[in-house]
Amino acid sequence: MTHDRELIGSFLPAGTKVRYDGLEKGGPEFGVVIHCWMNDEIGRYDCYIAFFGNESPDREPTKIPYILRYAAVSLTVING
């Protein structure tokens, strides 16, 4: 198992606001970490994220968030 921080990502505490930029169309998605854990099977931190689509998690959501699972290394922390 690797211990390189760039490869495994960082632990993201519940409540951390994040952005996922991996979409080919539709722009970035914004969300909030629900749970994060070290997944020994993939050797990285894995997270459940409540996504709000292209709406910032700073505002009151206009629709119910959807839950997806992503490796922490694929997420960008939003400061603020």
N, C-alpha and C. Protein backbone atom coordinates (compact mmCIF):
# COMPACT_ATOMS: atom_id res chain seq x y z
N MET A 1 0.85 -1.18 0.00
CA MET A 1 0.00 0.00 0.00
C MET A 1 0.89 1.24 0.00
N THR A 2 0.48 2.25 -0.76
CA THR A 2 1.27 3.48 -0.87
C THR A 2 0.92 4.45 0.25
N HIS A 3 1.89 5.27 0.62
CA HIS A 3 1.65 6.29 1.64
C HIS A 3 1.91 7.69 1.10
N ASP A 4 2.04 7.82 -0.23
CA ASP A 4 2.26 9.10 -0.87
C ASP A 4 0.98 9.93 -0.81
N ARG A 5 1.02 11.10 -0.14
CA ARG A 5 -0.16 11.95 0.07
C ARG A 5 -0.83 12.34 -1.26
N GLU A 6 -0.04 12.57 -2.31
CA GLU A 6 -0.63 12.93 -3.60
C GLU A 6 -1.44 11.80 -4.20
N LEU A 7 -1.07 10.57 -3.90
CA LEU A 7 -1.78 9.43 -4.45
C LEU A 7 -2.99 9.03 -3.63
N ILE A 8 -2.91 9.18 -2.29
CA ILE A 8 -4.03 8.76 -1.47
C ILE A 8 -4.99 9.89 -1.15
N GLY A 9 -4.56 11.14 -1.32
CA GLY A 9 -5.40 12.28 -1.00
C GLY A 9 -5.39 12.56 0.49
N SER A 10 -6.21 13.48 0.90
CA SER A 10 -6.31 13.87 2.30
C SER A 10 -7.64 13.41 2.89
N PHE A 11 -7.62 13.18 4.19
CA PHE A 11 -8.86 12.90 4.89
C PHE A 11 -9.70 14.18 4.85
N LEU A 12 -10.99 14.05 4.51
CA LEU A 12 -11.89 15.20 4.46
C LEU A 12 -12.97 15.01 5.52
N PRO A 13 -12.98 15.85 6.55
CA PRO A 13 -13.99 15.70 7.61
C PRO A 13 -15.40 15.98 7.09
N ALA A 14 -16.38 15.37 7.74
CA ALA A 14 -17.79 15.61 7.40
C ALA A 14 -18.06 17.11 7.49
N GLY A 15 -18.81 17.63 6.53
CA GLY A 15 -19.14 19.04 6.49
C GLY A 15 -18.23 19.85 5.58
N THR A 16 -17.14 19.25 5.09
CA THR A 16 -16.23 19.96 4.19
C THR A 16 -16.92 20.19 2.86
N LYS A 17 -16.86 21.43 2.37
CA LYS A 17 -17.46 21.77 1.08
C LYS A 17 -16.45 21.45 -0.01
N VAL A 18 -16.94 20.77 -1.07
CA VAL A 18 -16.05 20.33 -2.15
C VAL A 18 -16.65 20.62 -3.52
N ARG A 19 -15.75 20.55 -4.52
CA ARG A 19 -16.14 20.69 -5.92
C ARG A 19 -15.56 19.50 -6.67
N TYR A 20 -16.36 18.93 -7.58
CA TYR A 20 -15.88 17.86 -8.45
C TYR A 20 -15.84 18.41 -9.87
N ASP A 21 -14.65 18.44 -10.46
CA ASP A 21 -14.46 19.01 -11.79
C ASP A 21 -14.37 17.96 -12.89
N GLY A 22 -14.60 16.70 -12.60
CA GLY A 22 -14.39 15.63 -13.56
C GLY A 22 -15.45 15.44 -14.62
N LEU A 23 -16.46 16.28 -14.66
CA LEU A 23 -17.51 16.12 -15.66
C LEU A 23 -17.05 16.59 -17.03
N GLU A 24 -17.47 15.88 -18.06
CA GLU A 24 -17.12 16.28 -19.42
C GLU A 24 -18.00 17.43 -19.89
N LYS A 25 -19.27 17.43 -19.49
CA LYS A 25 -20.15 18.54 -19.84
C LYS A 25 -21.00 18.90 -18.64
N GLY A 26 -21.48 20.10 -18.63
CA GLY A 26 -22.33 20.52 -17.52
C GLY A 26 -21.61 21.28 -16.43
N GLY A 27 -20.29 21.40 -16.53
CA GLY A 27 -19.55 22.15 -15.52
C GLY A 27 -19.34 21.40 -14.24
N PRO A 28 -18.74 22.06 -13.25
CA PRO A 28 -18.43 21.38 -11.98
C PRO A 28 -19.69 21.12 -11.15
N GLU A 29 -19.56 20.16 -10.24
CA GLU A 29 -20.62 19.87 -9.27
C GLU A 29 -20.11 20.24 -7.90
N PHE A 30 -20.99 20.75 -7.05
CA PHE A 30 -20.63 21.17 -5.71
C PHE A 30 -21.34 20.29 -4.68
N GLY A 31 -20.66 20.03 -3.56
CA GLY A 31 -21.26 19.19 -2.54
C GLY A 31 -20.61 19.37 -1.19
N VAL A 32 -21.07 18.52 -0.27
CA VAL A 32 -20.59 18.52 1.11
C VAL A 32 -20.27 17.08 1.49
N VAL A 33 -19.10 16.88 2.12
CA VAL A 33 -18.69 15.55 2.56
C VAL A 33 -19.63 15.07 3.66
N ILE A 34 -20.13 13.85 3.50
CA ILE A 34 -20.96 13.22 4.52
C ILE A 34 -20.12 12.30 5.39
N HIS A 35 -19.22 11.54 4.73
CA HIS A 35 -18.38 10.59 5.46
C HIS A 35 -17.14 10.31 4.61
N CYS A 36 -15.98 10.17 5.27
CA CYS A 36 -14.72 9.88 4.58
C CYS A 36 -13.97 8.83 5.39
N TRP A 37 -13.34 7.88 4.71
CA TRP A 37 -12.62 6.80 5.38
C TRP A 37 -11.48 6.32 4.49
N MET A 38 -10.46 5.70 5.11
CA MET A 38 -9.37 5.09 4.36
C MET A 38 -9.88 3.76 3.83
N ASN A 39 -9.89 3.62 2.52
CA ASN A 39 -10.33 2.39 1.88
C ASN A 39 -9.07 1.59 1.54
N ASP A 40 -8.77 0.58 2.34
CA ASP A 40 -7.56 -0.22 2.14
C ASP A 40 -7.58 -0.96 0.80
N GLU A 41 -8.74 -1.24 0.28
CA GLU A 41 -8.85 -1.96 -0.99
C GLU A 41 -8.28 -1.14 -2.14
N ILE A 42 -8.50 0.17 -2.13
CA ILE A 42 -7.99 1.03 -3.20
C ILE A 42 -6.78 1.85 -2.74
N GLY A 43 -6.46 1.81 -1.45
CA GLY A 43 -5.31 2.53 -0.91
C GLY A 43 -5.46 4.04 -0.93
N ARG A 44 -6.69 4.51 -0.80
CA ARG A 44 -6.99 5.95 -0.84
C ARG A 44 -8.14 6.25 0.11
N TYR A 45 -8.27 7.55 0.42
CA TYR A 45 -9.46 7.98 1.17
C TYR A 45 -10.64 7.99 0.22
N ASP A 46 -11.75 7.46 0.67
CA ASP A 46 -12.99 7.37 -0.08
C ASP A 46 -14.02 8.21 0.66
N CYS A 47 -14.92 8.85 -0.08
CA CYS A 47 -15.89 9.76 0.56
C CYS A 47 -17.28 9.61 -0.03
N TYR A 48 -18.28 9.76 0.83
CA TYR A 48 -19.65 9.95 0.37
C TYR A 48 -19.90 11.45 0.36
N ILE A 49 -20.42 11.95 -0.75
CA ILE A 49 -20.65 13.38 -0.93
C ILE A 49 -22.12 13.62 -1.24
N ALA A 50 -22.73 14.61 -0.57
CA ALA A 50 -24.07 15.07 -0.92
C ALA A 50 -23.88 16.17 -1.95
N PHE A 51 -24.23 15.88 -3.20
CA PHE A 51 -24.04 16.85 -4.29
C PHE A 51 -25.30 17.66 -4.53
N PHE A 52 -25.07 18.94 -4.85
CA PHE A 52 -26.14 19.89 -5.12
C PHE A 52 -26.10 20.35 -6.58
N GLY A 53 -25.45 19.60 -7.45
CA GLY A 53 -25.33 19.99 -8.85
C GLY A 53 -24.41 21.20 -8.98
N ASN A 54 -24.82 22.15 -9.82
CA ASN A 54 -23.97 23.32 -10.02
C ASN A 54 -24.27 24.45 -9.04
N GLU A 55 -25.06 24.16 -8.00
CA GLU A 55 -25.36 25.14 -6.96
C GLU A 55 -24.31 25.09 -5.86
N SER A 56 -23.88 26.24 -5.41
CA SER A 56 -22.91 26.31 -4.32
C SER A 56 -23.54 25.78 -3.03
N PRO A 57 -22.80 25.00 -2.23
CA PRO A 57 -23.35 24.52 -0.96
C PRO A 57 -23.48 25.62 0.09
N ASP A 58 -23.11 26.87 -0.26
CA ASP A 58 -23.24 27.99 0.67
C ASP A 58 -24.68 28.49 0.75
N ARG A 59 -25.47 28.17 -0.25
CA ARG A 59 -26.85 28.65 -0.31
C ARG A 59 -27.83 27.56 0.10
N GLU A 60 -29.04 27.97 0.39
CA GLU A 60 -30.13 27.01 0.67
C GLU A 60 -30.41 26.26 -0.64
N PRO A 61 -30.34 24.93 -0.63
CA PRO A 61 -30.55 24.18 -1.88
C PRO A 61 -31.98 24.32 -2.40
N THR A 62 -32.12 24.34 -3.73
CA THR A 62 -33.44 24.40 -4.34
C THR A 62 -33.98 23.01 -4.65
N LYS A 63 -33.10 22.00 -4.59
CA LYS A 63 -33.54 20.61 -4.80
C LYS A 63 -32.81 19.69 -3.83
N ILE A 64 -33.33 18.50 -3.68
CA ILE A 64 -32.75 17.52 -2.76
C ILE A 64 -31.39 17.06 -3.30
N PRO A 65 -30.35 17.05 -2.45
CA PRO A 65 -29.03 16.59 -2.93
C PRO A 65 -29.04 15.09 -3.23
N TYR A 66 -28.11 14.67 -4.05
CA TYR A 66 -27.93 13.26 -4.36
C TYR A 66 -26.57 12.83 -3.83
N ILE A 67 -26.47 11.58 -3.42
CA ILE A 67 -25.26 11.07 -2.76
C ILE A 67 -24.45 10.25 -3.76
N LEU A 68 -23.17 10.58 -3.89
CA LEU A 68 -22.26 9.82 -4.73
C LEU A 68 -20.99 9.54 -3.94
N ARG A 69 -20.24 8.55 -4.41
CA ARG A 69 -19.00 8.15 -3.74
C ARG A 69 -17.82 8.47 -4.65
N TYR A 70 -16.84 9.19 -4.12
CA TYR A 70 -15.65 9.57 -4.87
C TYR A 70 -14.42 9.44 -3.99
N ALA A 71 -13.29 9.15 -4.63
CA ALA A 71 -12.00 9.19 -3.92
C ALA A 71 -11.70 10.64 -3.60
N ALA A 72 -11.13 10.89 -2.43
CA ALA A 72 -10.83 12.25 -2.00
C ALA A 72 -9.91 12.98 -2.96
N VAL A 73 -9.01 12.24 -3.64
CA VAL A 73 -8.07 12.88 -4.57
C VAL A 73 -8.77 13.49 -5.76
N SER A 74 -10.01 13.11 -6.05
CA SER A 74 -10.74 13.66 -7.19
C SER A 74 -11.56 14.89 -6.84
N LEU A 75 -11.48 15.33 -5.58
CA LEU A 75 -12.29 16.47 -5.11
C LEU A 75 -11.41 17.66 -4.77
N THR A 76 -11.96 18.85 -4.98
CA THR A 76 -11.27 20.09 -4.61
C THR A 76 -12.01 20.71 -3.44
N VAL A 77 -11.29 21.00 -2.36
CA VAL A 77 -11.91 21.63 -1.19
C VAL A 77 -12.19 23.08 -1.51
N ILE A 78 -13.41 23.52 -1.16
CA ILE A 78 -13.81 24.92 -1.34
C ILE A 78 -13.61 25.63 -0.02
N ASN A 79 -12.80 26.63 -0.01
CA ASN A 79 -12.57 27.43 1.20
C ASN A 79 -13.59 28.54 1.27
N GLY A 80 -14.17 28.69 2.45
CA GLY A 80 -15.10 29.80 2.62
C GLY A 80 -16.41 29.44 3.08
